Amino acid sequence: MPSGDYAAEWSGVFPAATIQLSAEEMLEREATAAHFRMLVEAGVDGLVVLGTLGEGSALEPDEKRAVIESAVEAVAGRVPLLVGVAEAATRSACRLAEEAKDLGADGLMVLPGLVYTADRSEAVAHFRTVARATDLPIMIYNNPVAYGVDLTAEAFADLADEPTLVAIKESSDDPRRLTDIVNLTGQRYRLFCGVDDLALESALLGCEGWVAGLVNAFPAETLRLWRLASEGRWEEARSLYRWFMPLLHLDTHVKLVQYVKLAQALAGYGSETVRLPRQKLSGAERAQVAALVEAALSDRPDLAAA
């Protein structure tokens, strides 16, 4: 069992940051670092790299190291840097966790083992094993909708004796889970919203942070929404949320990576290129998403007046 103080004070908006790829789908390290810097300078409270939006599962080991190194340099200690750990085997997840620490990460966002659909006992064992392989604080990413493995409140109670497990990114698409977790585990974990179009509901139910997707394209609006909710300014928050909601729905689609990267490209924050097996949007689908984003860009709320 590792020792140390794991009371990570994570809160606020943590972008699930995208990476930048060339037309040939090669990692563009400088452009990726520039995107990370943009987010930090916009005022985000933390940064998550190599998550779903960061295409971590599509990168080679040396590319993952390059992304972490670029993030460490870009963040420069200004906000907590979390590295996504989404490996098929628990052994590989432990290895990446150790490498992330060596490269300068401040924490991890750990997923269940991919490909295999673990039952509760296996999932708990996976997270427990990774937790004991590092002394970095860990955010557990629970997304049964996308990954098939479901950690219930009871599973989080089972894991409560692992001191490095400090936070939960709850993406079950069921905000009732947040109350179940608190009722069973108290204030043991810091709760984060993991679904963009449930951000306001999650804030009301006690989430202390938001691992956000559309922040890659709309950082100012994302930060303002979370600040309004955190301050209990619900009427203003609802108004902004209603404007934002058509965009936030993009985060819940199976093509969320393509959708968010198109949005960020149209907003002037990088390329829409993704890596196979994902493909860039085309035809009517691209036109529909682009029209949605362009309409939002032409009708942005006046944040200076708020």
C-alpha atoms as a PDB file:
ATOM      1  CA  MET A   1       0.000   0.000   0.000  1.00  0.00           C
ATOM      2  CA  PRO A   2       1.511   3.363  -0.960  1.00  0.00           C
ATOM      3  CA  SER A   3       1.803   6.047   1.651  1.00  0.00           C
ATOM      4  CA  GLY A   4       1.307   9.797   1.486  1.00  0.00           C
ATOM      5  CA  ASP A   5      -1.317  12.481   1.400  1.00  0.00           C
ATOM      6  CA  TYR A   6      -3.849  11.866  -1.370  1.00  0.00           C
ATOM      7  CA  ALA A   7      -6.380  14.562  -0.488  1.00  0.00           C
ATOM      8  CA  ALA A   8      -6.344  15.993  -4.027  1.00  0.00           C
ATOM      9  CA  GLU A   9      -8.239  19.281  -4.039  1.00  0.00           C
ATOM     10  CA  TRP A  10      -9.477  18.880  -7.579  1.00  0.00           C
ATOM     11  CA  SER A  11     -12.480  20.995  -8.554  1.00  0.00           C
ATOM     12  CA  GLY A  12     -13.790  23.112 -11.407  1.00  0.00           C
ATOM     13  CA  VAL A  13     -13.515  22.594 -15.158  1.00  0.00           C
ATOM     14  CA  PHE A  14     -11.032  19.954 -16.343  1.00  0.00           C
ATOM     15  CA  PRO A  15     -11.041  19.731 -20.163  1.00  0.00           C
ATOM     16  CA  ALA A  16     -10.811  16.287 -21.715  1.00  0.00           C
ATOM     17  CA  ALA A  17      -8.297  17.777 -24.105  1.00  0.00           C
ATOM     18  CA  THR A  18      -8.023  16.834 -27.760  1.00  0.00           C
ATOM     19  CA  ILE A  19      -4.799  16.250 -29.649  1.00  0.00           C
ATOM     20  CA  GLN A  20      -3.768  17.736 -32.976  1.00  0.00           C
ATOM     21  CA  LEU A  21      -3.057  15.478 -35.947  1.00  0.00           C
ATOM     22  CA  SER A  22      -1.667  16.230 -39.395  1.00  0.00           C
ATOM     23  CA  ALA A  23      -3.557  15.386 -42.578  1.00  0.00           C
ATOM     24  CA  GLU A  24      -1.603  12.112 -42.531  1.00  0.00           C
ATOM     25  CA  GLU A  25      -2.889  11.410 -38.988  1.00  0.00           C
ATOM     26  CA  MET A  26       0.512  11.982 -37.403  1.00  0.00           C
ATOM     27  CA  LEU A  27       0.729  13.575 -33.975  1.00  0.00           C
ATOM     28  CA  GLU A  28       1.553  17.283 -34.220  1.00  0.00           C
ATOM     29  CA  ARG A  29       3.294  17.833 -30.943  1.00  0.00           C
ATOM     30  CA  GLU A  30       3.691  21.609 -31.066  1.00  0.00           C
ATOM     31  CA  ALA A  31       0.099  22.199 -32.148  1.00  0.00           C
ATOM     32  CA  THR A  32      -1.102  19.855 -29.407  1.00  0.00           C
ATOM     33  CA  ALA A  33       0.916  21.755 -26.803  1.00  0.00           C
ATOM     34  CA  ALA A  34      -0.477  25.043 -28.127  1.00  0.00           C
ATOM     35  CA  HIS A  35      -4.020  23.731 -27.644  1.00  0.00           C
ATOM     36  CA  PHE A  36      -3.200  22.720 -24.078  1.00  0.00           C
ATOM     37  CA  ARG A  37      -1.763  26.184 -23.401  1.00  0.00           C
ATOM     38  CA  MET A  38      -4.864  27.834 -24.837  1.00  0.00           C
ATOM     39  CA  LEU A  39      -7.083  25.937 -22.429  1.00  0.00           C
ATOM     40  CA  VAL A  40      -4.922  26.719 -19.411  1.00  0.00           C
ATOM     41  CA  GLU A  41      -4.682  30.393 -20.345  1.00  0.00           C
ATOM     42  CA  ALA A  42      -8.471  30.498 -20.787  1.00  0.00           C
ATOM     43  CA  GLY A  43      -8.731  29.750 -17.083  1.00  0.00           C
ATOM     44  CA  VAL A  44      -9.493  26.033 -16.743  1.00  0.00           C
ATOM     45  CA  ASP A  45      -8.895  24.424 -13.354  1.00  0.00           C
ATOM     46  CA  GLY A  46      -7.141  21.272 -14.559  1.00  0.00           C
ATOM     47  CA  LEU A  47      -6.343  19.309 -17.703  1.00  0.00           C
ATOM     48  CA  VAL A  48      -6.974  15.683 -18.687  1.00  0.00           C
ATOM     49  CA  VAL A  49      -4.985  14.203 -21.570  1.00  0.00           C
ATOM     50  CA  LEU A  50      -5.213  10.799 -23.285  1.00  0.00           C
ATOM     51  CA  GLY A  51      -8.897  10.441 -22.502  1.00  0.00           C
ATOM     52  CA  THR A  52     -11.548   9.483 -25.043  1.00  0.00           C
ATOM     53  CA  LEU A  53     -11.420  12.915 -26.701  1.00  0.00           C
ATOM     54  CA  GLY A  54      -7.631  12.737 -26.525  1.00  0.00           C
ATOM     55  CA  GLU A  55      -7.726   9.593 -28.686  1.00  0.00           C
ATOM     56  CA  GLY A  56      -5.516   7.812 -26.181  1.00  0.00           C
ATOM     57  CA  SER A  57      -6.580   4.362 -27.329  1.00  0.00           C
ATOM     58  CA  ALA A  58      -5.483   5.163 -30.904  1.00  0.00           C
ATOM     59  CA  LEU A  59      -1.954   6.274 -29.999  1.00  0.00           C
ATOM     60  CA  GLU A  60       1.254   4.264 -29.901  1.00  0.00           C
ATOM     61  CA  PRO A  61       3.185   4.094 -26.601  1.00  0.00           C
ATOM     62  CA  ASP A  62       5.806   6.584 -27.772  1.00  0.00           C
ATOM     63  CA  GLU A  63       3.050   8.980 -28.887  1.00  0.00           C
ATOM     64  CA  LYS A  64       1.380   8.737 -25.488  1.00  0.00           C
ATOM     65  CA  ARG A  65       4.674   9.671 -23.859  1.00  0.00           C
ATOM     66  CA  ALA A  66       5.025  12.595 -26.277  1.00  0.00           C
ATOM     67  CA  VAL A  67       1.531  13.866 -25.403  1.00  0.00           C
ATOM     68  CA  ILE A  68       2.279  13.648 -21.671  1.00  0.00           C
ATOM     69  CA  GLU A  69       5.604  15.435 -22.101  1.00  0.00           C
ATOM     70  CA  SER A  70       3.952  18.148 -24.185  1.00  0.00           C
ATOM     71  CA  ALA A  71       1.229  18.582 -21.575  1.00  0.00           C
ATOM     72  CA  VAL A  72       3.705  18.815 -18.707  1.00  0.00           C
ATOM     73  CA  GLU A  73       5.595  21.520 -20.590  1.00  0.00           C
ATOM     74  CA  ALA A  74       2.463  23.402 -21.631  1.00  0.00           C
ATOM     75  CA  VAL A  75       0.787  23.308 -18.228  1.00  0.00           C
ATOM     76  CA  ALA A  76       4.006  24.227 -16.426  1.00  0.00           C
ATOM     77  CA  GLY A  77       2.529  23.463 -13.021  1.00  0.00           C
ATOM     78  CA  ARG A  78      -0.275  26.014 -13.345  1.00  0.00           C
ATOM     79  CA  VAL A  79      -3.109  23.479 -12.953  1.00  0.00           C
ATOM     80  CA  PRO A  80      -3.298  19.760 -12.095  1.00  0.00           C
ATOM     81  CA  LEU A  81      -2.469  17.520 -15.049  1.00  0.00           C
ATOM     82  CA  LEU A  82      -4.250  14.161 -15.193  1.00  0.00           C
ATOM     83  CA  VAL A  83      -3.288  11.411 -17.615  1.00  0.00           C
ATOM     84  CA  GLY A  84      -5.920   9.044 -18.942  1.00  0.00           C
ATOM     85  CA  VAL A  85      -5.126   5.360 -18.423  1.00  0.00           C
ATOM     86  CA  ALA A  86      -7.269   3.264 -20.766  1.00  0.00           C
ATOM     87  CA  GLU A  87      -5.462   0.018 -21.463  1.00  0.00           C
ATOM     88  CA  ALA A  88      -6.834  -3.406 -22.301  1.00  0.00           C
ATOM     89  CA  ALA A  89      -4.818  -5.207 -19.619  1.00  0.00           C
ATOM     90  CA  THR A  90      -4.416  -4.237 -15.983  1.00  0.00           C
ATOM     91  CA  ARG A  91      -0.674  -4.890 -16.244  1.00  0.00           C
ATOM     92  CA  SER A  92      -0.427  -2.361 -19.085  1.00  0.00           C
ATOM     93  CA  ALA A  93      -2.488   0.151 -17.114  1.00  0.00           C
ATOM     94  CA  CYS A  94      -0.074  -0.140 -14.180  1.00  0.00           C
ATOM     95  CA  ARG A  95       2.876   0.410 -16.498  1.00  0.00           C
ATOM     96  CA  LEU A  96       1.340   3.550 -18.026  1.00  0.00           C
ATOM     97  CA  ALA A  97       0.498   4.849 -14.556  1.00  0.00           C
ATOM     98  CA  GLU A  98       4.142   4.519 -13.535  1.00  0.00           C
ATOM     99  CA  GLU A  99       5.338   6.191 -16.747  1.00  0.00           C
ATOM    100  CA  ALA A 100       2.901   9.066 -16.311  1.00  0.00           C
ATOM    101  CA  LYS A 101       4.298   9.795 -12.862  1.00  0.00           C
ATOM    102  CA  ASP A 102       7.884   9.612 -14.121  1.00  0.00           C
ATOM    103  CA  LEU A 103       7.025  12.091 -16.890  1.00  0.00           C
ATOM    104  CA  GLY A 104       5.544  14.614 -14.454  1.00  0.00           C
ATOM    105  CA  ALA A 105       1.791  13.973 -14.276  1.00  0.00           C
ATOM    106  CA  ASP A 106      -0.040  15.146 -11.163  1.00  0.00           C
ATOM    107  CA  GLY A 107      -2.712  12.456 -11.256  1.00  0.00           C
ATOM    108  CA  LEU A 108      -4.494   9.862 -13.336  1.00  0.00           C
ATOM    109  CA  MET A 109      -7.940   9.287 -14.794  1.00  0.00           C
ATOM    110  CA  VAL A 110      -8.289   5.512 -14.889  1.00  0.00           C
ATOM    111  CA  LEU A 111     -10.754   3.558 -17.003  1.00  0.00           C
ATOM    112  CA  PRO A 112     -11.691  -0.100 -16.651  1.00  0.00           C
ATOM    113  CA  GLY A 113      -9.776  -2.539 -18.817  1.00  0.00           C
ATOM    114  CA  LEU A 114     -10.982  -2.006 -22.366  1.00  0.00           C
ATOM    115  CA  VAL A 115     -12.288  -4.670 -24.779  1.00  0.00           C
ATOM    116  CA  TYR A 116     -13.235  -7.149 -22.022  1.00  0.00           C
ATOM    117  CA  THR A 117     -16.499  -6.468 -20.171  1.00  0.00           C
ATOM    118  CA  ALA A 118     -15.533  -7.125 -16.570  1.00  0.00           C
ATOM    119  CA  ASP A 119     -18.013  -7.974 -13.848  1.00  0.00           C
ATOM    120  CA  ARG A 120     -18.065  -6.020 -10.586  1.00  0.00           C
ATOM    121  CA  SER A 121     -15.440  -8.157  -8.851  1.00  0.00           C
ATOM    122  CA  GLU A 122     -13.067  -7.948 -11.811  1.00  0.00           C
ATOM    123  CA  ALA A 123     -13.593  -4.206 -12.250  1.00  0.00           C
ATOM    124  CA  VAL A 124     -12.943  -3.549  -8.564  1.00  0.00           C
ATOM    125  CA  ALA A 125      -9.785  -5.676  -8.743  1.00  0.00           C
ATOM    126  CA  HIS A 126      -8.584  -3.716 -11.788  1.00  0.00           C
ATOM    127  CA  PHE A 127      -8.923  -0.340 -10.093  1.00  0.00           C
ATOM    128  CA  ARG A 128      -7.457  -1.647  -6.847  1.00  0.00           C
ATOM    129  CA  THR A 129      -4.424  -3.049  -8.660  1.00  0.00           C
ATOM    130  CA  VAL A 130      -3.757   0.173 -10.575  1.00  0.00           C
ATOM    131  CA  ALA A 131      -4.217   2.212  -7.392  1.00  0.00           C
ATOM    132  CA  ARG A 132      -1.541   0.131  -5.662  1.00  0.00           C
ATOM    133  CA  ALA A 133       0.881   0.500  -8.576  1.00  0.00           C
ATOM    134  CA  THR A 134       1.283   4.259  -8.074  1.00  0.00           C
ATOM    135  CA  ASP A 135       1.079   6.916  -5.406  1.00  0.00           C
ATOM    136  CA  LEU A 136      -0.526   9.427  -7.773  1.00  0.00           C
ATOM    137  CA  PRO A 137      -4.107  10.451  -6.914  1.00  0.00           C
ATOM    138  CA  ILE A 138      -6.647   8.827  -9.214  1.00  0.00           C
ATOM    139  CA  MET A 139      -9.981   9.818 -10.714  1.00  0.00           C
ATOM    140  CA  ILE A 140     -12.078   6.735 -11.531  1.00  0.00           C
ATOM    141  CA  TYR A 141     -13.851   7.102 -14.868  1.00  0.00           C
ATOM    142  CA  ASN A 142     -17.204   5.312 -14.819  1.00  0.00           C
ATOM    143  CA  ASN A 143     -18.837   5.194 -18.241  1.00  0.00           C
ATOM    144  CA  PRO A 144     -20.900   2.038 -18.671  1.00  0.00           C
ATOM    145  CA  VAL A 145     -22.681   3.547 -21.672  1.00  0.00           C
ATOM    146  CA  ALA A 146     -19.463   3.636 -23.710  1.00  0.00           C
ATOM    147  CA  TYR A 147     -17.350   0.889 -22.146  1.00  0.00           C
ATOM    148  CA  GLY A 148     -19.829  -1.672 -20.838  1.00  0.00           C
ATOM    149  CA  VAL A 149     -18.331  -1.917 -17.353  1.00  0.00           C
ATOM    150  CA  ASP A 150     -20.541  -0.428 -14.657  1.00  0.00           C
ATOM    151  CA  LEU A 151     -19.273   0.699 -11.264  1.00  0.00           C
ATOM    152  CA  THR A 152     -22.229   1.208  -8.959  1.00  0.00           C
ATOM    153  CA  ALA A 153     -22.260   3.044  -5.647  1.00  0.00           C
ATOM    154  CA  GLU A 154     -21.644  -0.302  -3.957  1.00  0.00           C
ATOM    155  CA  ALA A 155     -18.496  -0.828  -6.028  1.00  0.00           C
ATOM    156  CA  PHE A 156     -17.208   2.608  -5.023  1.00  0.00           C
ATOM    157  CA  ALA A 157     -17.863   1.667  -1.402  1.00  0.00           C
ATOM    158  CA  ASP A 158     -15.747  -1.461  -1.927  1.00  0.00           C
ATOM    159  CA  LEU A 159     -12.887   0.708  -3.216  1.00  0.00           C
ATOM    160  CA  ALA A 160     -13.098   3.336  -0.481  1.00  0.00           C
ATOM    161  CA  ASP A 161     -10.192   1.792   1.421  1.00  0.00           C
ATOM    162  CA  GLU A 162      -7.745   2.648  -1.388  1.00  0.00           C
ATOM    163  CA  PRO A 163      -6.378   6.076  -0.427  1.00  0.00           C
ATOM    164  CA  THR A 164      -5.176   7.043  -3.906  1.00  0.00           C
ATOM    165  CA  LEU A 165      -8.698   6.765  -5.353  1.00  0.00           C
ATOM    166  CA  VAL A 166      -9.846  10.302  -4.640  1.00  0.00           C
ATOM    167  CA  ALA A 167     -12.377  11.260  -7.321  1.00  0.00           C
ATOM    168  CA  ILE A 168     -15.054   9.859  -9.620  1.00  0.00           C
ATOM    169  CA  LYS A 169     -15.925  11.001 -13.118  1.00  0.00           C
ATOM    170  CA  GLU A 170     -19.529   9.825 -13.269  1.00  0.00           C
ATOM    171  CA  SER A 171     -20.684   9.279 -16.860  1.00  0.00           C
ATOM    172  CA  SER A 172     -23.409   6.691 -16.397  1.00  0.00           C
ATOM    173  CA  ASP A 173     -25.931   9.135 -17.926  1.00  0.00           C
ATOM    174  CA  ASP A 174     -27.995   8.757 -14.743  1.00  0.00           C
ATOM    175  CA  PRO A 175     -27.604  11.711 -12.350  1.00  0.00           C
ATOM    176  CA  ARG A 176     -29.421   9.721  -9.658  1.00  0.00           C
ATOM    177  CA  ARG A 177     -26.167   7.817  -9.239  1.00  0.00           C
ATOM    178  CA  LEU A 178     -24.532  10.888  -7.706  1.00  0.00           C
ATOM    179  CA  THR A 179     -26.914  10.887  -4.774  1.00  0.00           C
ATOM    180  CA  ASP A 180     -26.571   7.118  -4.370  1.00  0.00           C
ATOM    181  CA  ILE A 181     -22.784   7.469  -4.171  1.00  0.00           C
ATOM    182  CA  VAL A 182     -22.978  10.217  -1.550  1.00  0.00           C
ATOM    183  CA  ASN A 183     -25.591   8.360   0.483  1.00  0.00           C
ATOM    184  CA  LEU A 184     -23.382   5.255   0.576  1.00  0.00           C
ATOM    185  CA  THR A 185     -19.890   6.745   0.789  1.00  0.00           C
ATOM    186  CA  GLY A 186     -20.464  10.228   2.227  1.00  0.00           C
ATOM    187  CA  GLN A 187     -17.816  12.725   1.190  1.00  0.00           C
ATOM    188  CA  ARG A 188     -15.220  10.017   0.512  1.00  0.00           C
ATOM    189  CA  TYR A 189     -14.840  10.959  -3.173  1.00  0.00           C
ATOM    190  CA  ARG A 190     -14.772  14.231  -5.079  1.00  0.00           C
ATOM    191  CA  LEU A 191     -17.473  13.909  -7.720  1.00  0.00           C
ATOM    192  CA  PHE A 192     -17.055  15.158 -11.273  1.00  0.00           C
ATOM    193  CA  CYS A 193     -19.629  15.426 -14.023  1.00  0.00           C
ATOM    194  CA  GLY A 194     -18.508  13.429 -17.062  1.00  0.00           C
ATOM    195  CA  VAL A 195     -21.400  14.177 -19.426  1.00  0.00           C
ATOM    196  CA  ASP A 196     -21.558  17.652 -20.943  1.00  0.00           C
ATOM    197  CA  ASP A 197     -25.330  17.841 -21.232  1.00  0.00           C
ATOM    198  CA  LEU A 198     -25.789  16.917 -17.564  1.00  0.00           C
ATOM    199  CA  ALA A 199     -23.420  19.562 -16.218  1.00  0.00           C
ATOM    200  CA  LEU A 200     -25.978  21.791 -14.539  1.00  0.00           C
ATOM    201  CA  GLU A 201     -27.879  18.872 -13.030  1.00  0.00           C
ATOM    202  CA  SER A 202     -24.613  17.418 -11.742  1.00  0.00           C
ATOM    203  CA  ALA A 203     -23.595  20.707 -10.150  1.00  0.00           C
ATOM    204  CA  LEU A 204     -26.945  20.912  -8.360  1.00  0.00           C
ATOM    205  CA  LEU A 205     -26.462  17.378  -7.036  1.00  0.00           C
ATOM    206  CA  GLY A 206     -23.055  18.140  -5.558  1.00  0.00           C
ATOM    207  CA  CYS A 207     -20.400  17.607  -8.214  1.00  0.00           C
ATOM    208  CA  GLU A 208     -17.313  19.660  -7.485  1.00  0.00           C
ATOM    209  CA  GLY A 209     -15.977  19.548 -11.022  1.00  0.00           C
ATOM    210  CA  TRP A 210     -16.692  18.854 -14.669  1.00  0.00           C
ATOM    211  CA  VAL A 211     -14.525  16.875 -17.076  1.00  0.00           C
ATOM    212  CA  ALA A 212     -15.750  18.777 -20.102  1.00  0.00           C
ATOM    213  CA  GLY A 213     -15.651  18.137 -23.847  1.00  0.00           C
ATOM    214  CA  LEU A 214     -17.054  21.180 -25.677  1.00  0.00           C
ATOM    215  CA  VAL A 215     -14.669  23.345 -23.662  1.00  0.00           C
ATOM    216  CA  ASN A 216     -12.161  22.507 -26.406  1.00  0.00           C
ATOM    217  CA  ALA A 217     -14.210  24.731 -28.732  1.00  0.00           C
ATOM    218  CA  PHE A 218     -16.060  27.009 -26.301  1.00  0.00           C
ATOM    219  CA  PRO A 219     -13.818  27.562 -23.274  1.00  0.00           C
ATOM    220  CA  ALA A 220     -15.289  30.885 -22.119  1.00  0.00           C
ATOM    221  CA  GLU A 221     -18.872  29.644 -22.156  1.00  0.00           C
ATOM    222  CA  THR A 222     -17.963  26.415 -20.366  1.00  0.00           C
ATOM    223  CA  LEU A 223     -16.102  28.241 -17.615  1.00  0.00           C
ATOM    224  CA  ARG A 224     -18.867  30.806 -17.175  1.00  0.00           C
ATOM    225  CA  LEU A 225     -21.535  28.107 -16.925  1.00  0.00           C
ATOM    226  CA  TRP A 226     -19.646  26.251 -14.211  1.00  0.00           C
ATOM    227  CA  ARG A 227     -18.913  29.454 -12.300  1.00  0.00           C
ATOM    228  CA  LEU A 228     -22.572  30.477 -12.343  1.00  0.00           C
ATOM    229  CA  ALA A 229     -23.618  27.057 -11.095  1.00  0.00           C
ATOM    230  CA  SER A 230     -20.914  27.004  -8.418  1.00  0.00           C
ATOM    231  CA  GLU A 231     -22.107  30.389  -7.170  1.00  0.00           C
ATOM    232  CA  GLY A 232     -25.738  29.291  -7.115  1.00  0.00           C
ATOM    233  CA  ARG A 233     -26.747  31.787  -9.794  1.00  0.00           C
ATOM    234  CA  TRP A 234     -29.240  29.327 -11.217  1.00  0.00           C
ATOM    235  CA  GLU A 235     -31.367  31.632 -13.363  1.00  0.00           C
ATOM    236  CA  GLU A 236     -28.314  32.935 -15.231  1.00  0.00           C
ATOM    237  CA  ALA A 237     -26.894  29.424 -15.447  1.00  0.00           C
ATOM    238  CA  ARG A 238     -30.127  28.048 -16.918  1.00  0.00           C
ATOM    239  CA  SER A 239     -30.195  30.739 -19.573  1.00  0.00           C
ATOM    240  CA  LEU A 240     -26.623  29.982 -20.675  1.00  0.00           C
ATOM    241  CA  TYR A 241     -27.230  26.233 -20.434  1.00  0.00           C
ATOM    242  CA  ARG A 242     -30.214  26.448 -22.760  1.00  0.00           C
ATOM    243  CA  TRP A 243     -28.124  28.266 -25.371  1.00  0.00           C
ATOM    244  CA  PHE A 244     -25.306  25.738 -24.920  1.00  0.00           C
ATOM    245  CA  MET A 245     -27.376  22.538 -24.847  1.00  0.00           C
ATOM    246  CA  PRO A 246     -27.507  21.767 -28.607  1.00  0.00           C
ATOM    247  CA  LEU A 247     -23.696  21.844 -28.593  1.00  0.00           C
ATOM    248  CA  LEU A 248     -23.383  19.880 -25.354  1.00  0.00           C
ATOM    249  CA  HIS A 249     -25.451  17.076 -26.864  1.00  0.00           C
ATOM    250  CA  LEU A 250     -22.540  16.500 -29.274  1.00  0.00           C
ATOM    251  CA  ASP A 251     -20.520  15.109 -26.355  1.00  0.00           C
ATOM    252  CA  THR A 252     -22.900  12.155 -25.906  1.00  0.00           C
ATOM    253  CA  HIS A 253     -22.770  10.722 -29.425  1.00  0.00           C
ATOM    254  CA  VAL A 254     -20.648   7.737 -30.452  1.00  0.00           C
ATOM    255  CA  LYS A 255     -18.816  10.170 -32.777  1.00  0.00           C
ATOM    256  CA  LEU A 256     -18.146  12.683 -30.015  1.00  0.00           C
ATOM    257  CA  VAL A 257     -14.463  12.893 -30.971  1.00  0.00           C
ATOM    258  CA  GLN A 258     -15.267  13.844 -34.563  1.00  0.00           C
ATOM    259  CA  TYR A 259     -18.019  16.225 -33.460  1.00  0.00           C
ATOM    260  CA  VAL A 260     -15.941  18.037 -30.863  1.00  0.00           C
ATOM    261  CA  LYS A 261     -12.906  18.283 -33.136  1.00  0.00           C
ATOM    262  CA  LEU A 262     -15.039  19.750 -35.925  1.00  0.00           C
ATOM    263  CA  ALA A 263     -16.458  22.254 -33.443  1.00  0.00           C
ATOM    264  CA  GLN A 264     -13.002  23.280 -32.248  1.00  0.00           C
ATOM    265  CA  ALA A 265     -11.784  23.652 -35.841  1.00  0.00           C
ATOM    266  CA  LEU A 266     -14.723  25.909 -36.728  1.00  0.00           C
ATOM    267  CA  ALA A 267     -14.082  27.914 -33.565  1.00  0.00           C
ATOM    268  CA  GLY A 268     -10.447  28.422 -34.611  1.00  0.00           C
ATOM    269  CA  TYR A 269      -8.815  26.049 -32.138  1.00  0.00           C
ATOM    270  CA  GLY A 270      -7.216  23.420 -34.340  1.00  0.00           C
ATOM    271  CA  SER A 271      -7.787  20.668 -36.836  1.00  0.00           C
ATOM    272  CA  GLU A 272     -10.730  18.296 -37.157  1.00  0.00           C
ATOM    273  CA  THR A 273      -8.492  15.406 -38.246  1.00  0.00           C
ATOM    274  CA  VAL A 274      -8.924  12.165 -36.310  1.00  0.00           C
ATOM    275  CA  ARG A 275      -7.096   8.847 -36.497  1.00  0.00           C
ATOM    276  CA  LEU A 276      -8.497   5.675 -38.039  1.00  0.00           C
ATOM    277  CA  PRO A 277     -10.685   3.790 -37.355  1.00  0.00           C
ATOM    278  CA  ARG A 278     -12.410   7.131 -36.775  1.00  0.00           C
ATOM    279  CA  GLN A 279     -12.906   9.142 -39.938  1.00  0.00           C
ATOM    280  CA  LYS A 280     -13.473  12.840 -40.492  1.00  0.00           C
ATOM    281  CA  LEU A 281     -17.101  13.749 -40.909  1.00  0.00           C
ATOM    282  CA  SER A 282     -18.397  14.200 -44.435  1.00  0.00           C
ATOM    283  CA  GLY A 283     -21.556  14.804 -46.413  1.00  0.00           C
ATOM    284  CA  ALA A 284     -24.858  15.546 -44.725  1.00  0.00           C
ATOM    285  CA  GLU A 285     -23.596  14.556 -41.284  1.00  0.00           C
ATOM    286  CA  ARG A 286     -20.739  17.065 -41.382  1.00  0.00           C
ATOM    287  CA  ALA A 287     -23.021  19.757 -42.772  1.00  0.00           C
ATOM    288  CA  GLN A 288     -25.524  19.209 -39.977  1.00  0.00           C
ATOM    289  CA  VAL A 289     -22.941  19.436 -37.198  1.00  0.00           C
ATOM    290  CA  ALA A 290     -21.190  22.383 -38.838  1.00  0.00           C
ATOM    291  CA  ALA A 291     -24.482  24.270 -39.162  1.00  0.00           C
ATOM    292  CA  LEU A 292     -25.174  23.702 -35.465  1.00  0.00           C
ATOM    293  CA  VAL A 293     -21.754  24.986 -34.452  1.00  0.00           C
ATOM    294  CA  GLU A 294     -21.837  27.958 -36.813  1.00  0.00           C
ATOM    295  CA  ALA A 295     -25.272  28.971 -35.528  1.00  0.00           C
ATOM    296  CA  ALA A 296     -23.915  28.945 -31.976  1.00  0.00           C
ATOM    297  CA  LEU A 297     -20.856  30.942 -33.010  1.00  0.00           C
ATOM    298  CA  SER A 298     -23.067  33.594 -34.626  1.00  0.00           C
ATOM    299  CA  ASP A 299     -25.345  33.818 -31.598  1.00  0.00           C
ATOM    300  CA  ARG A 300     -22.906  33.627 -28.699  1.00  0.00           C
ATOM    301  CA  PRO A 301     -24.108  35.153 -25.424  1.00  0.00           C
ATOM    302  CA  ASP A 302     -22.533  38.394 -24.293  1.00  0.00           C
ATOM    303  CA  LEU A 303     -20.451  37.110 -21.405  1.00  0.00           C
ATOM    304  CA  ALA A 304     -19.032  40.553 -20.709  1.00  0.00           C
ATOM    305  CA  ALA A 305     -22.496  41.720 -19.739  1.00  0.00           C
ATOM    306  CA  ALA A 306     -23.089  38.827 -17.354  1.00  0.00           C
END
